[in-house]
Amino acid sequence: MMPKKADSGETTVDLLDYLFGPGDRDEHTDPHIVTAWDPDLPCPARTPDRITLSDLALLLDAPVDALRGPCPAEHVWHASVRNAPTDRTLTDT
């Protein structure tokens, strides 16, 4: 695996819009939710009729919104990871 420098930001929905969109150079070709706290969490790319990006952002932001006191200004953190070109292709299973 090859990690990319992590980015941080303020809004979850903006990050999801970017990740489930085409990317900066059309590199986002087959977005997936790889893992989640709920194994039945629907993926907006695969089942947009079950969950929208806005709904997913609300679920992901819920723990931050439940904090008592001030919320962190930048609570969104994202790190990209990809297989090296010589690695095998991973399947959904």
C-alpha atoms as a PDB file:
ATOM      1  CA  MET A   1       0.000   0.000   0.000  1.00  0.00           C
ATOM      2  CA  MET A   2       1.135   3.527  -0.715  1.00  0.00           C
ATOM      3  CA  PRO A   3      -0.225   6.215   1.638  1.00  0.00           C
ATOM      4  CA  LYS A   4      -0.671   9.809   0.531  1.00  0.00           C
ATOM      5  CA  LYS A   5      -0.148  12.848   2.731  1.00  0.00           C
ATOM      6  CA  ALA A   6      -3.282  13.315   4.832  1.00  0.00           C
ATOM      7  CA  ASP A   7      -5.568  16.291   4.403  1.00  0.00           C
ATOM      8  CA  SER A   8      -7.802  17.871   7.009  1.00  0.00           C
ATOM      9  CA  GLY A   9     -10.795  20.105   6.657  1.00  0.00           C
ATOM     10  CA  GLU A  10     -14.024  21.366   8.074  1.00  0.00           C
ATOM     11  CA  THR A  11     -16.943  19.726   6.274  1.00  0.00           C
ATOM     12  CA  THR A  12     -17.588  16.054   5.833  1.00  0.00           C
ATOM     13  CA  VAL A  13     -20.054  16.554   2.981  1.00  0.00           C
ATOM     14  CA  ASP A  14     -17.464  18.479   0.927  1.00  0.00           C
ATOM     15  CA  LEU A  15     -14.939  15.666   1.380  1.00  0.00           C
ATOM     16  CA  LEU A  16     -17.545  13.065   0.385  1.00  0.00           C
ATOM     17  CA  ASP A  17     -18.530  15.129  -2.666  1.00  0.00           C
ATOM     18  CA  TYR A  18     -14.872  15.116  -3.714  1.00  0.00           C
ATOM     19  CA  LEU A  19     -14.256  11.410  -2.966  1.00  0.00           C
ATOM     20  CA  PHE A  20     -17.411  10.201  -4.711  1.00  0.00           C
ATOM     21  CA  GLY A  21     -16.897  12.653  -7.588  1.00  0.00           C
ATOM     22  CA  PRO A  22     -14.402  12.416 -10.449  1.00  0.00           C
ATOM     23  CA  GLY A  23     -11.431  13.715  -8.414  1.00  0.00           C
ATOM     24  CA  ASP A  24      -8.919  16.306  -9.573  1.00  0.00           C
ATOM     25  CA  ARG A  25      -7.762  14.331 -12.620  1.00  0.00           C
ATOM     26  CA  ASP A  26     -10.629  11.845 -13.118  1.00  0.00           C
ATOM     27  CA  GLU A  27      -8.862   9.387 -10.811  1.00  0.00           C
ATOM     28  CA  HIS A  28     -12.002   8.451  -8.843  1.00  0.00           C
ATOM     29  CA  THR A  29     -13.389   5.738 -11.092  1.00  0.00           C
ATOM     30  CA  ASP A  30     -14.958   3.181  -8.709  1.00  0.00           C
ATOM     31  CA  PRO A  31     -15.567   4.625  -5.208  1.00  0.00           C
ATOM     32  CA  HIS A  32     -16.246   2.213  -2.355  1.00  0.00           C
ATOM     33  CA  ILE A  33     -16.948   2.339   1.345  1.00  0.00           C
ATOM     34  CA  VAL A  34     -14.353  -0.175   2.476  1.00  0.00           C
ATOM     35  CA  THR A  35     -15.387  -0.519   6.105  1.00  0.00           C
ATOM     36  CA  ALA A  36     -17.746   1.119   8.563  1.00  0.00           C
ATOM     37  CA  TRP A  37     -19.104   0.758  12.072  1.00  0.00           C
ATOM     38  CA  ASP A  38     -22.198  -0.843  10.516  1.00  0.00           C
ATOM     39  CA  PRO A  39     -21.533  -3.672   8.032  1.00  0.00           C
ATOM     40  CA  ASP A  40     -24.903  -2.950   6.391  1.00  0.00           C
ATOM     41  CA  LEU A  41     -24.170   0.725   5.783  1.00  0.00           C
ATOM     42  CA  PRO A  42     -25.165   1.370   2.173  1.00  0.00           C
ATOM     43  CA  CYS A  43     -22.649   2.968  -0.173  1.00  0.00           C
ATOM     44  CA  PRO A  44     -23.898   6.128  -1.941  1.00  0.00           C
ATOM     45  CA  ALA A  45     -22.036   5.130  -5.112  1.00  0.00           C
ATOM     46  CA  ARG A  46     -23.630   1.684  -5.260  1.00  0.00           C
ATOM     47  CA  THR A  47     -27.104   2.372  -3.808  1.00  0.00           C
ATOM     48  CA  PRO A  48     -27.884   6.093  -4.143  1.00  0.00           C
ATOM     49  CA  ASP A  49     -31.572   5.325  -3.618  1.00  0.00           C
ATOM     50  CA  ARG A  50     -30.770   4.063  -0.067  1.00  0.00           C
ATOM     51  CA  ILE A  51     -28.395   6.797   1.149  1.00  0.00           C
ATOM     52  CA  THR A  52     -27.192  10.138  -0.174  1.00  0.00           C
ATOM     53  CA  LEU A  53     -23.824  11.763   0.426  1.00  0.00           C
ATOM     54  CA  SER A  54     -25.572  14.311   2.673  1.00  0.00           C
ATOM     55  CA  ASP A  55     -27.140  11.524   4.742  1.00  0.00           C
ATOM     56  CA  LEU A  56     -23.793   9.746   5.063  1.00  0.00           C
ATOM     57  CA  ALA A  57     -22.162  13.017   6.159  1.00  0.00           C
ATOM     58  CA  LEU A  58     -24.816  13.429   8.866  1.00  0.00           C
ATOM     59  CA  LEU A  59     -24.071   9.913  10.163  1.00  0.00           C
ATOM     60  CA  LEU A  60     -20.321  10.512  10.149  1.00  0.00           C
ATOM     61  CA  ASP A  61     -20.684  13.911  11.853  1.00  0.00           C
ATOM     62  CA  ALA A  62     -23.091  12.665  14.558  1.00  0.00           C
ATOM     63  CA  PRO A  63     -20.377  11.912  17.174  1.00  0.00           C
ATOM     64  CA  VAL A  64     -18.864  15.384  16.733  1.00  0.00           C
ATOM     65  CA  ASP A  65     -22.285  17.044  16.850  1.00  0.00           C
ATOM     66  CA  ALA A  66     -23.026  15.176  20.104  1.00  0.00           C
ATOM     67  CA  LEU A  67     -20.002  16.652  21.903  1.00  0.00           C
ATOM     68  CA  ARG A  68     -20.724  18.848  24.880  1.00  0.00           C
ATOM     69  CA  GLY A  69     -18.811  22.050  24.560  1.00  0.00           C
ATOM     70  CA  PRO A  70     -17.003  23.419  21.522  1.00  0.00           C
ATOM     71  CA  CYS A  71     -16.493  21.163  18.528  1.00  0.00           C
ATOM     72  CA  PRO A  72     -13.090  20.979  16.863  1.00  0.00           C
ATOM     73  CA  ALA A  73     -12.759  23.493  14.019  1.00  0.00           C
ATOM     74  CA  GLU A  74     -11.254  20.878  11.680  1.00  0.00           C
ATOM     75  CA  HIS A  75     -12.677  17.465  12.557  1.00  0.00           C
ATOM     76  CA  VAL A  76     -12.418  15.893   9.081  1.00  0.00           C
ATOM     77  CA  TRP A  77      -9.273  13.882   8.363  1.00  0.00           C
ATOM     78  CA  HIS A  78      -8.651  11.843   5.232  1.00  0.00           C
ATOM     79  CA  ALA A  79      -5.710   9.719   4.166  1.00  0.00           C
ATOM     80  CA  SER A  80      -5.599   8.128   0.718  1.00  0.00           C
ATOM     81  CA  VAL A  81      -4.215   4.622   0.355  1.00  0.00           C
ATOM     82  CA  ARG A  82      -3.787   2.719  -2.878  1.00  0.00           C
ATOM     83  CA  ASN A  83      -2.171  -0.485  -4.019  1.00  0.00           C
ATOM     84  CA  ALA A  84       1.190  -0.312  -5.686  1.00  0.00           C
ATOM     85  CA  PRO A  85       0.991  -0.997  -9.447  1.00  0.00           C
ATOM     86  CA  THR A  86       2.565  -4.428  -8.899  1.00  0.00           C
ATOM     87  CA  ASP A  87       0.015  -5.468  -6.201  1.00  0.00           C
ATOM     88  CA  ARG A  88      -2.904  -7.701  -7.029  1.00  0.00           C
ATOM     89  CA  THR A  89      -6.309  -6.154  -7.678  1.00  0.00           C
ATOM     90  CA  LEU A  90      -8.543  -6.356  -4.631  1.00  0.00           C
ATOM     91  CA  THR A  91     -12.122  -7.558  -5.006  1.00  0.00           C
ATOM     92  CA  ASP A  92     -15.164  -6.467  -3.033  1.00  0.00           C
ATOM     93  CA  THR A  93     -15.065  -9.678  -1.026  1.00  0.00           C
END
